[in-house]
Full PDB file with SEQRES, HELIX, SHEET, SSBOND, CRYST1, ORIGX, SCALE, CONECT and MASTER records, all heavy atoms in Angstrom:
SEQRES   1 A   35  SER THR ARG THR PHE SER SER TYR ALA VAL ALA TRP PHE          
SEQRES   2 A   35  ARG GLN ALA ALA GLY LYS GLU ARG GLU PHE VAL ALA ALA          
SEQRES   3 A   35  ILE SER TRP GLY GLY ARG SER THR ASN                          
HELIX    1 AA1 PHE A    5  SER A    7  5                                   3    
SHEET    1 AA1 2 VAL A  10  ARG A  14  0                                        
SHEET    2 AA1 2 GLU A  22  ILE A  27 -1                                        
CRYST1    1.000    1.000    1.000  90.00  90.00  90.00 P 1           1          
ORIGX1      1.000000  0.000000  0.000000        0.00000                         
ORIGX2      0.000000  1.000000  0.000000        0.00000                         
ORIGX3      0.000000  0.000000  1.000000        0.00000                         
SCALE1      1.000000  0.000000  0.000000        0.00000                         
SCALE2      0.000000  1.000000  0.000000        0.00000                         
SCALE3      0.000000  0.000000  1.000000        0.00000                         
ATOM      1  N   SER A   1      24.433 -23.521  12.039  1.00  0.00           N  
ATOM      2  CA  SER A   1      25.227 -24.525  12.728  1.00  0.00           C  
ATOM      3  C   SER A   1      26.125 -25.325  11.792  1.00  0.00           C  
ATOM      4  O   SER A   1      26.970 -26.086  12.248  1.00  0.00           O  
ATOM      5  CB  SER A   1      24.316 -25.491  13.489  1.00  0.00           C  
ATOM      6  OG  SER A   1      23.432 -26.162  12.616  1.00  0.00           O  
ATOM      7  N   THR A   2      25.972 -25.134  10.484  1.00  0.00           N  
ATOM      8  CA  THR A   2      26.742 -25.936   9.535  1.00  0.00           C  
ATOM      9  C   THR A   2      28.219 -25.572   9.567  1.00  0.00           C  
ATOM     10  O   THR A   2      28.586 -24.400   9.586  1.00  0.00           O  
ATOM     11  CB  THR A   2      26.201 -25.793   8.110  1.00  0.00           C  
ATOM     12  OG1 THR A   2      26.998 -26.578   7.219  1.00  0.00           O  
ATOM     13  CG2 THR A   2      26.241 -24.341   7.632  1.00  0.00           C  
ATOM     14  N   ARG A   3      29.061 -26.585   9.531  1.00  0.00           N  
ATOM     15  CA  ARG A   3      30.500 -26.357   9.536  1.00  0.00           C  
ATOM     16  C   ARG A   3      31.023 -25.940   8.177  1.00  0.00           C  
ATOM     17  O   ARG A   3      32.184 -25.547   8.058  1.00  0.00           O  
ATOM     18  CB  ARG A   3      31.227 -27.609  10.025  1.00  0.00           C  
ATOM     19  CG  ARG A   3      31.044 -28.832   9.143  1.00  0.00           C  
ATOM     20  CD  ARG A   3      31.687 -30.048   9.782  1.00  0.00           C  
ATOM     21  NE  ARG A   3      33.111 -29.864  10.027  1.00  0.00           N  
ATOM     22  CZ  ARG A   3      33.857 -30.667  10.773  1.00  0.00           C  
ATOM     23  NH1 ARG A   3      33.302 -31.712  11.373  1.00  0.00           N  
ATOM     24  NH2 ARG A   3      35.141 -30.416  10.932  1.00  0.00           N  
ATOM     25  N   THR A   4      30.178 -26.023   7.144  1.00  0.00           N  
ATOM     26  CA  THR A   4      30.563 -25.609   5.800  1.00  0.00           C  
ATOM     27  C   THR A   4      30.136 -24.178   5.484  1.00  0.00           C  
ATOM     28  O   THR A   4      30.177 -23.771   4.330  1.00  0.00           O  
ATOM     29  CB  THR A   4      29.983 -26.559   4.745  1.00  0.00           C  
ATOM     30  OG1 THR A   4      28.555 -26.539   4.791  1.00  0.00           O  
ATOM     31  CG2 THR A   4      30.472 -27.975   4.979  1.00  0.00           C  
ATOM     32  N   PHE A   5      29.742 -23.412   6.486  1.00  0.00           N  
ATOM     33  CA  PHE A   5      29.293 -22.037   6.292  1.00  0.00           C  
ATOM     34  C   PHE A   5      30.301 -21.212   5.500  1.00  0.00           C  
ATOM     35  O   PHE A   5      29.930 -20.413   4.637  1.00  0.00           O  
ATOM     36  CB  PHE A   5      29.027 -21.384   7.648  1.00  0.00           C  
ATOM     37  CG  PHE A   5      28.689 -19.919   7.563  1.00  0.00           C  
ATOM     38  CD1 PHE A   5      27.435 -19.498   7.165  1.00  0.00           C  
ATOM     39  CD2 PHE A   5      29.636 -18.959   7.899  1.00  0.00           C  
ATOM     40  CE1 PHE A   5      27.120 -18.152   7.094  1.00  0.00           C  
ATOM     41  CE2 PHE A   5      29.332 -17.611   7.838  1.00  0.00           C  
ATOM     42  CZ  PHE A   5      28.070 -17.203   7.434  1.00  0.00           C  
ATOM     43  N   SER A   6      31.582 -21.396   5.773  1.00  0.00           N  
ATOM     44  CA  SER A   6      32.619 -20.594   5.143  1.00  0.00           C  
ATOM     45  C   SER A   6      32.747 -20.842   3.648  1.00  0.00           C  
ATOM     46  O   SER A   6      33.392 -20.061   2.951  1.00  0.00           O  
ATOM     47  CB  SER A   6      33.967 -20.841   5.826  1.00  0.00           C  
ATOM     48  OG  SER A   6      34.371 -22.194   5.698  1.00  0.00           O  
ATOM     49  N   SER A   7      32.146 -21.898   3.135  1.00  0.00           N  
ATOM     50  CA  SER A   7      32.225 -22.210   1.713  1.00  0.00           C  
ATOM     51  C   SER A   7      31.103 -21.572   0.900  1.00  0.00           C  
ATOM     52  O   SER A   7      31.083 -21.703  -0.323  1.00  0.00           O  
ATOM     53  CB  SER A   7      32.215 -23.723   1.496  1.00  0.00           C  
ATOM     54  OG  SER A   7      30.961 -24.289   1.831  1.00  0.00           O  
ATOM     55  N   TYR A   8      30.178 -20.877   1.559  1.00  0.00           N  
ATOM     56  CA  TYR A   8      29.046 -20.255   0.886  1.00  0.00           C  
ATOM     57  C   TYR A   8      29.184 -18.741   0.806  1.00  0.00           C  
ATOM     58  O   TYR A   8      29.672 -18.098   1.739  1.00  0.00           O  
ATOM     59  CB  TYR A   8      27.742 -20.556   1.628  1.00  0.00           C  
ATOM     60  CG  TYR A   8      27.283 -21.981   1.567  1.00  0.00           C  
ATOM     61  CD1 TYR A   8      27.607 -22.874   2.582  1.00  0.00           C  
ATOM     62  CD2 TYR A   8      26.510 -22.433   0.508  1.00  0.00           C  
ATOM     63  CE1 TYR A   8      27.181 -24.184   2.534  1.00  0.00           C  
ATOM     64  CE2 TYR A   8      26.077 -23.746   0.453  1.00  0.00           C  
ATOM     65  CZ  TYR A   8      26.413 -24.617   1.471  1.00  0.00           C  
ATOM     66  OH  TYR A   8      25.981 -25.916   1.428  1.00  0.00           O  
ATOM     67  N   ALA A   9      28.717 -18.187  -0.306  1.00  0.00           N  
ATOM     68  CA  ALA A   9      28.404 -16.767  -0.336  1.00  0.00           C  
ATOM     69  C   ALA A   9      27.098 -16.568   0.427  1.00  0.00           C  
ATOM     70  O   ALA A   9      26.224 -17.434   0.406  1.00  0.00           O  
ATOM     71  CB  ALA A   9      28.246 -16.277  -1.771  1.00  0.00           C  
ATOM     72  N   VAL A  10      26.963 -15.449   1.121  1.00  0.00           N  
ATOM     73  CA  VAL A  10      25.754 -15.195   1.894  1.00  0.00           C  
ATOM     74  C   VAL A  10      25.245 -13.786   1.626  1.00  0.00           C  
ATOM     75  O   VAL A  10      26.012 -12.896   1.252  1.00  0.00           O  
ATOM     76  CB  VAL A  10      25.981 -15.412   3.411  1.00  0.00           C  
ATOM     77  CG1 VAL A  10      26.030 -16.898   3.723  1.00  0.00           C  
ATOM     78  CG2 VAL A  10      27.272 -14.743   3.878  1.00  0.00           C  
ATOM     79  N   ALA A  11      23.949 -13.592   1.832  1.00  0.00           N  
ATOM     80  CA  ALA A  11      23.331 -12.335   1.456  1.00  0.00           C  
ATOM     81  C   ALA A  11      22.144 -12.014   2.352  1.00  0.00           C  
ATOM     82  O   ALA A  11      21.622 -12.879   3.062  1.00  0.00           O  
ATOM     83  CB  ALA A  11      22.862 -12.386   0.000  1.00  0.00           C  
ATOM     84  N   TRP A  12      21.734 -10.747   2.292  1.00  0.00           N  
ATOM     85  CA  TRP A  12      20.512 -10.283   2.924  1.00  0.00           C  
ATOM     86  C   TRP A  12      19.535  -9.809   1.858  1.00  0.00           C  
ATOM     87  O   TRP A  12      19.911  -9.074   0.940  1.00  0.00           O  
ATOM     88  CB  TRP A  12      20.778  -9.127   3.888  1.00  0.00           C  
ATOM     89  CG  TRP A  12      21.520  -9.517   5.127  1.00  0.00           C  
ATOM     90  CD1 TRP A  12      22.859  -9.423   5.344  1.00  0.00           C  
ATOM     91  CD2 TRP A  12      20.957 -10.066   6.323  1.00  0.00           C  
ATOM     92  NE1 TRP A  12      23.173  -9.876   6.604  1.00  0.00           N  
ATOM     93  CE2 TRP A  12      22.021 -10.274   7.228  1.00  0.00           C  
ATOM     94  CE3 TRP A  12      19.660 -10.392   6.724  1.00  0.00           C  
ATOM     95  CZ2 TRP A  12      21.831 -10.801   8.504  1.00  0.00           C  
ATOM     96  CZ3 TRP A  12      19.477 -10.920   7.984  1.00  0.00           C  
ATOM     97  CH2 TRP A  12      20.548 -11.119   8.860  1.00  0.00           C  
ATOM     98  N   PHE A  13      18.291 -10.229   2.001  1.00  0.00           N  
ATOM     99  CA  PHE A  13      17.176  -9.744   1.203  1.00  0.00           C  
ATOM    100  C   PHE A  13      16.115  -9.205   2.144  1.00  0.00           C  
ATOM    101  O   PHE A  13      16.125  -9.494   3.345  1.00  0.00           O  
ATOM    102  CB  PHE A  13      16.592 -10.863   0.336  1.00  0.00           C  
ATOM    103  CG  PHE A  13      17.471 -11.287  -0.807  1.00  0.00           C  
ATOM    104  CD1 PHE A  13      18.561 -12.112  -0.597  1.00  0.00           C  
ATOM    105  CD2 PHE A  13      17.204 -10.864  -2.097  1.00  0.00           C  
ATOM    106  CE1 PHE A  13      19.378 -12.509  -1.643  1.00  0.00           C  
ATOM    107  CE2 PHE A  13      18.005 -11.256  -3.160  1.00  0.00           C  
ATOM    108  CZ  PHE A  13      19.093 -12.071  -2.930  1.00  0.00           C  
ATOM    109  N   ARG A  14      15.186  -8.436   1.601  1.00  0.00           N  
ATOM    110  CA  ARG A  14      14.085  -7.954   2.425  1.00  0.00           C  
ATOM    111  C   ARG A  14      12.800  -7.918   1.613  1.00  0.00           C  
ATOM    112  O   ARG A  14      12.824  -7.823   0.389  1.00  0.00           O  
ATOM    113  CB  ARG A  14      14.385  -6.569   3.008  1.00  0.00           C  
ATOM    114  CG  ARG A  14      14.480  -5.452   1.975  1.00  0.00           C  
ATOM    115  CD  ARG A  14      14.956  -4.165   2.632  1.00  0.00           C  
ATOM    116  NE  ARG A  14      15.014  -3.058   1.689  1.00  0.00           N  
ATOM    117  CZ  ARG A  14      15.525  -1.863   1.964  1.00  0.00           C  
ATOM    118  NH1 ARG A  14      16.033  -1.616   3.172  1.00  0.00           N  
ATOM    119  NH2 ARG A  14      15.533  -0.914   1.038  1.00  0.00           N  
ATOM    120  N   GLN A  15      11.690  -7.981   2.330  1.00  0.00           N  
ATOM    121  CA  GLN A  15      10.390  -7.947   1.681  1.00  0.00           C  
ATOM    122  C   GLN A  15       9.433  -7.112   2.523  1.00  0.00           C  
ATOM    123  O   GLN A  15       9.091  -7.487   3.645  1.00  0.00           O  
ATOM    124  CB  GLN A  15       9.829  -9.352   1.478  1.00  0.00           C  
ATOM    125  CG  GLN A  15       8.546  -9.393   0.666  1.00  0.00           C  
ATOM    126  CD  GLN A  15       8.162 -10.796   0.251  1.00  0.00           C  
ATOM    127  OE1 GLN A  15       8.577 -11.768   0.873  1.00  0.00           O  
ATOM    128  NE2 GLN A  15       7.373 -10.902  -0.803  1.00  0.00           N  
ATOM    129  N   ALA A  16       9.009  -5.989   1.963  1.00  0.00           N  
ATOM    130  CA  ALA A  16       8.027  -5.140   2.620  1.00  0.00           C  
ATOM    131  C   ALA A  16       6.630  -5.683   2.346  1.00  0.00           C  
ATOM    132  O   ALA A  16       6.399  -6.391   1.364  1.00  0.00           O  
ATOM    133  CB  ALA A  16       8.148  -3.707   2.122  1.00  0.00           C  
ATOM    134  N   ALA A  17       5.697  -5.338   3.208  1.00  0.00           N  
ATOM    135  CA  ALA A  17       4.323  -5.813   3.065  1.00  0.00           C  
ATOM    136  C   ALA A  17       3.751  -5.412   1.716  1.00  0.00           C  
ATOM    137  O   ALA A  17       3.807  -4.244   1.327  1.00  0.00           O  
ATOM    138  CB  ALA A  17       3.464  -5.251   4.190  1.00  0.00           C  
ATOM    139  N   GLY A  18       3.224  -6.384   1.002  1.00  0.00           N  
ATOM    140  CA  GLY A  18       2.606  -6.123  -0.285  1.00  0.00           C  
ATOM    141  C   GLY A  18       3.568  -5.920  -1.434  1.00  0.00           C  
ATOM    142  O   GLY A  18       3.132  -5.601  -2.547  1.00  0.00           O  
ATOM    143  N   LYS A  19       4.873  -6.099  -1.205  1.00  0.00           N  
ATOM    144  CA  LYS A  19       5.865  -5.888  -2.244  1.00  0.00           C  
ATOM    145  C   LYS A  19       6.695  -7.146  -2.472  1.00  0.00           C  
ATOM    146  O   LYS A  19       6.677  -8.072  -1.668  1.00  0.00           O  
ATOM    147  CB  LYS A  19       6.779  -4.720  -1.883  1.00  0.00           C  
ATOM    148  CG  LYS A  19       6.070  -3.378  -1.778  1.00  0.00           C  
ATOM    149  CD  LYS A  19       7.047  -2.250  -1.524  1.00  0.00           C  
ATOM    150  CE  LYS A  19       6.336  -0.916  -1.461  1.00  0.00           C  
ATOM    151  NZ  LYS A  19       7.289   0.199  -1.223  1.00  0.00           N  
ATOM    152  N   GLU A  20       7.431  -7.142  -3.576  1.00  0.00           N  
ATOM    153  CA  GLU A  20       8.287  -8.269  -3.902  1.00  0.00           C  
ATOM    154  C   GLU A  20       9.569  -8.235  -3.072  1.00  0.00           C  
ATOM    155  O   GLU A  20      10.003  -7.184  -2.607  1.00  0.00           O  
ATOM    156  CB  GLU A  20       8.632  -8.257  -5.391  1.00  0.00           C  
ATOM    157  CG  GLU A  20       7.439  -8.460  -6.308  1.00  0.00           C  
ATOM    158  CD  GLU A  20       7.822  -8.491  -7.770  1.00  0.00           C  
ATOM    159  OE1 GLU A  20       8.964  -8.096  -8.097  1.00  0.00           O  
ATOM    160  OE2 GLU A  20       6.993  -8.919  -8.585  1.00  0.00           O  
ATOM    161  N   ARG A  21      10.163  -9.398  -2.910  1.00  0.00           N  
ATOM    162  CA  ARG A  21      11.435  -9.495  -2.210  1.00  0.00           C  
ATOM    163  C   ARG A  21      12.526  -8.790  -3.012  1.00  0.00           C  
ATOM    164  O   ARG A  21      12.587  -8.917  -4.239  1.00  0.00           O  
ATOM    165  CB  ARG A  21      11.794 -10.965  -1.998  1.00  0.00           C  
ATOM    166  CG  ARG A  21      13.039 -11.205  -1.172  1.00  0.00           C  
ATOM    167  CD  ARG A  21      13.137 -12.673  -0.787  1.00  0.00           C  
ATOM    168  NE  ARG A  21      13.137 -13.545  -1.940  1.00  0.00           N  
ATOM    169  CZ  ARG A  21      12.939 -14.853  -1.894  1.00  0.00           C  
ATOM    170  NH1 ARG A  21      12.687 -15.441  -0.722  1.00  0.00           N  
ATOM    171  NH2 ARG A  21      12.971 -15.571  -2.999  1.00  0.00           N  
ATOM    172  N   GLU A  22      13.389  -8.050  -2.326  1.00  0.00           N  
ATOM    173  CA  GLU A  22      14.447  -7.320  -3.005  1.00  0.00           C  
ATOM    174  C   GLU A  22      15.799  -7.557  -2.345  1.00  0.00           C  
ATOM    175  O   GLU A  22      15.908  -7.819  -1.144  1.00  0.00           O  
ATOM    176  CB  GLU A  22      14.139  -5.823  -3.043  1.00  0.00           C  
ATOM    177  CG  GLU A  22      14.141  -5.143  -1.691  1.00  0.00           C  
ATOM    178  CD  GLU A  22      13.964  -3.639  -1.789  1.00  0.00           C  
ATOM    179  OE1 GLU A  22      14.071  -3.076  -2.892  1.00  0.00           O  
ATOM    180  OE2 GLU A  22      13.713  -3.006  -0.733  1.00  0.00           O  
ATOM    181  N   PHE A  23      16.826  -7.423  -3.144  1.00  0.00           N  
ATOM    182  CA  PHE A  23      18.191  -7.603  -2.696  1.00  0.00           C  
ATOM    183  C   PHE A  23      18.635  -6.438  -1.825  1.00  0.00           C  
ATOM    184  O   PHE A  23      18.295  -5.286  -2.096  1.00  0.00           O  
ATOM    185  CB  PHE A  23      19.108  -7.722  -3.912  1.00  0.00           C  
ATOM    186  CG  PHE A  23      20.568  -7.711  -3.598  1.00  0.00           C  
ATOM    187  CD1 PHE A  23      21.187  -8.823  -3.060  1.00  0.00           C  
ATOM    188  CD2 PHE A  23      21.329  -6.587  -3.851  1.00  0.00           C  
ATOM    189  CE1 PHE A  23      22.538  -8.821  -2.773  1.00  0.00           C  
ATOM    190  CE2 PHE A  23      22.682  -6.570  -3.579  1.00  0.00           C  
ATOM    191  CZ  PHE A  23      23.289  -7.695  -3.037  1.00  0.00           C  
ATOM    192  N   VAL A  24      19.421  -6.738  -0.791  1.00  0.00           N  
ATOM    193  CA  VAL A  24      19.972  -5.710   0.087  1.00  0.00           C  
ATOM    194  C   VAL A  24      21.495  -5.674  -0.007  1.00  0.00           C  
ATOM    195  O   VAL A  24      22.087  -4.652  -0.353  1.00  0.00           O  
ATOM    196  CB  VAL A  24      19.553  -5.930   1.549  1.00  0.00           C  
ATOM    197  CG1 VAL A  24      20.201  -4.886   2.462  1.00  0.00           C  
ATOM    198  CG2 VAL A  24      18.031  -5.881   1.677  1.00  0.00           C  
ATOM    199  N   ALA A  25      22.143  -6.786   0.314  1.00  0.00           N  
ATOM    200  CA  ALA A  25      23.601  -6.841   0.318  1.00  0.00           C  
ATOM    201  C   ALA A  25      24.061  -8.286   0.300  1.00  0.00           C  
ATOM    202  O   ALA A  25      23.339  -9.186   0.734  1.00  0.00           O  
ATOM    203  CB  ALA A  25      24.169  -6.129   1.553  1.00  0.00           C  
ATOM    204  N   ALA A  26      25.282  -8.507  -0.186  1.00  0.00           N  
ATOM    205  CA  ALA A  26      25.853  -9.850  -0.231  1.00  0.00           C  
ATOM    206  C   ALA A  26      27.346  -9.780   0.023  1.00  0.00           C  
ATOM    207  O   ALA A  26      27.986  -8.735  -0.156  1.00  0.00           O  
ATOM    208  CB  ALA A  26      25.574 -10.506  -1.584  1.00  0.00           C  
ATOM    209  N   ILE A  27      27.917 -10.920   0.415  1.00  0.00           N  
ATOM    210  CA  ILE A  27      29.339 -11.010   0.693  1.00  0.00           C  
ATOM    211  C   ILE A  27      29.851 -12.367   0.237  1.00  0.00           C  
ATOM    212  O   ILE A  27      29.168 -13.386   0.373  1.00  0.00           O  
ATOM    213  CB  ILE A  27      29.615 -10.756   2.198  1.00  0.00           C  
ATOM    214  CG1 ILE A  27      31.114 -10.625   2.480  1.00  0.00           C  
ATOM    215  CG2 ILE A  27      28.976 -11.837   3.063  1.00  0.00           C  
ATOM    216  CD1 ILE A  27      31.408 -10.056   3.870  1.00  0.00           C  
ATOM    217  N   SER A  28      31.060 -12.385  -0.317  1.00  0.00           N  
ATOM    218  CA  SER A  28      31.650 -13.615  -0.817  1.00  0.00           C  
ATOM    219  C   SER A  28      32.036 -14.539   0.332  1.00  0.00           C  
ATOM    220  O   SER A  28      32.067 -14.140   1.502  1.00  0.00           O  
ATOM    221  CB  SER A  28      32.869 -13.301  -1.679  1.00  0.00           C  
ATOM    222  OG  SER A  28      33.877 -12.658  -0.913  1.00  0.00           O  
ATOM    223  N   TRP A  29      32.370 -15.776  -0.006  1.00  0.00           N  
ATOM    224  CA  TRP A  29      32.662 -16.768   1.031  1.00  0.00           C  
ATOM    225  C   TRP A  29      33.836 -16.380   1.914  1.00  0.00           C  
ATOM    226  O   TRP A  29      33.861 -16.703   3.108  1.00  0.00           O  
ATOM    227  CB  TRP A  29      32.900 -18.140   0.402  1.00  0.00           C  
ATOM    228  CG  TRP A  29      34.153 -18.258  -0.420  1.00  0.00           C  
ATOM    229  CD1 TRP A  29      34.281 -18.054  -1.763  1.00  0.00           C  
ATOM    230  CD2 TRP A  29      35.453 -18.618   0.055  1.00  0.00           C  
ATOM    231  NE1 TRP A  29      35.574 -18.261  -2.160  1.00  0.00           N  
ATOM    232  CE2 TRP A  29      36.321 -18.612  -1.065  1.00  0.00           C  
ATOM    233  CE3 TRP A  29      35.973 -18.952   1.305  1.00  0.00           C  
ATOM    234  CZ2 TRP A  29      37.674 -18.919  -0.949  1.00  0.00           C  
ATOM    235  CZ3 TRP A  29      37.323 -19.252   1.418  1.00  0.00           C  
ATOM    236  CH2 TRP A  29      38.151 -19.237   0.291  1.00  0.00           C  
ATOM    237  N   GLY A  30      34.826 -15.679   1.355  1.00  0.00           N  
ATOM    238  CA  GLY A  30      35.984 -15.259   2.120  1.00  0.00           C  
ATOM    239  C   GLY A  30      35.841 -13.892   2.754  1.00  0.00           C  
ATOM    240  O   GLY A  30      36.724 -13.471   3.508  1.00  0.00           O  
ATOM    241  N   GLY A  31      34.762 -13.183   2.442  1.00  0.00           N  
ATOM    242  CA  GLY A  31      34.511 -11.877   3.023  1.00  0.00           C  
ATOM    243  C   GLY A  31      35.262 -10.732   2.376  1.00  0.00           C  
ATOM    244  O   GLY A  31      35.211  -9.607   2.880  1.00  0.00           O  
ATOM    245  N   ARG A  32      35.952 -10.986   1.274  1.00  0.00           N  
ATOM    246  CA  ARG A  32      36.753  -9.939   0.636  1.00  0.00           C  
ATOM    247  C   ARG A  32      35.982  -9.104  -0.373  1.00  0.00           C  
ATOM    248  O   ARG A  32      36.407  -7.989  -0.690  1.00  0.00           O  
ATOM    249  CB  ARG A  32      37.968 -10.572  -0.049  1.00  0.00           C  
ATOM    250  CG  ARG A  32      38.915 -11.286   0.901  1.00  0.00           C  
ATOM    251  CD  ARG A  32      40.114 -11.852   0.166  1.00  0.00           C  
ATOM    252  NE  ARG A  32      41.013 -12.577   1.056  1.00  0.00           N  
ATOM    253  CZ  ARG A  32      40.908 -13.866   1.330  1.00  0.00           C  
ATOM    254  NH1 ARG A  32      39.949 -14.586   0.776  1.00  0.00           N  
ATOM    255  NH2 ARG A  32      41.761 -14.441   2.160  1.00  0.00           N  
ATOM    256  N   SER A  33      34.865  -9.625  -0.870  1.00  0.00           N  
ATOM    257  CA  SER A  33      34.070  -8.919  -1.863  1.00  0.00           C  
ATOM    258  C   SER A  33      32.643  -8.738  -1.363  1.00  0.00           C  
ATOM    259  O   SER A  33      32.071  -9.652  -0.763  1.00  0.00           O  
ATOM    260  CB  SER A  33      34.055  -9.683  -3.189  1.00  0.00           C  
ATOM    261  OG  SER A  33      35.364  -9.809  -3.717  1.00  0.00           O  
ATOM    262  N   THR A  34      32.077  -7.558  -1.623  1.00  0.00           N  
ATOM    263  CA  THR A  34      30.712  -7.258  -1.200  1.00  0.00           C  
ATOM    264  C   THR A  34      29.924  -6.641  -2.343  1.00  0.00           C  
ATOM    265  O   THR A  34      30.483  -6.142  -3.315  1.00  0.00           O  
ATOM    266  CB  THR A  34      30.686  -6.310   0.008  1.00  0.00           C  
ATOM    267  OG1 THR A  34      31.385  -5.095  -0.326  1.00  0.00           O  
ATOM    268  CG2 THR A  34      31.350  -6.950   1.211  1.00  0.00           C  
ATOM    269  N   ASN A  35      28.609  -6.655  -2.185  1.00  0.00           N  
ATOM    270  CA  ASN A  35      27.693  -6.144  -3.194  1.00  0.00           C  
ATOM    271  C   ASN A  35      26.507  -5.518  -2.461  1.00  0.00           C  
ATOM    272  O   ASN A  35      25.906  -6.174  -1.610  1.00  0.00           O  
ATOM    273  CB  ASN A  35      27.246  -7.292  -4.101  1.00  0.00           C  
ATOM    274  CG  ASN A  35      26.423  -6.843  -5.282  1.00  0.00           C  
ATOM    275  OD1 ASN A  35      26.365  -5.665  -5.605  1.00  0.00           O  
ATOM    276  ND2 ASN A  35      25.790  -7.799  -5.952  1.00  0.00           N  
TER     277      ASN A  35                                                      
MASTER        0    0    0    1    2    0    0    6  276    1    0    3          
END                                                                             
């Protein structure tokens, strides 16, 4: 709900049962760069 959402980079992580959290994907604040 934050109006400042567009100023943040955002990402997805995942964690399987019994395992450590791992990186999945990320996107820059403007949406032009991904990882």
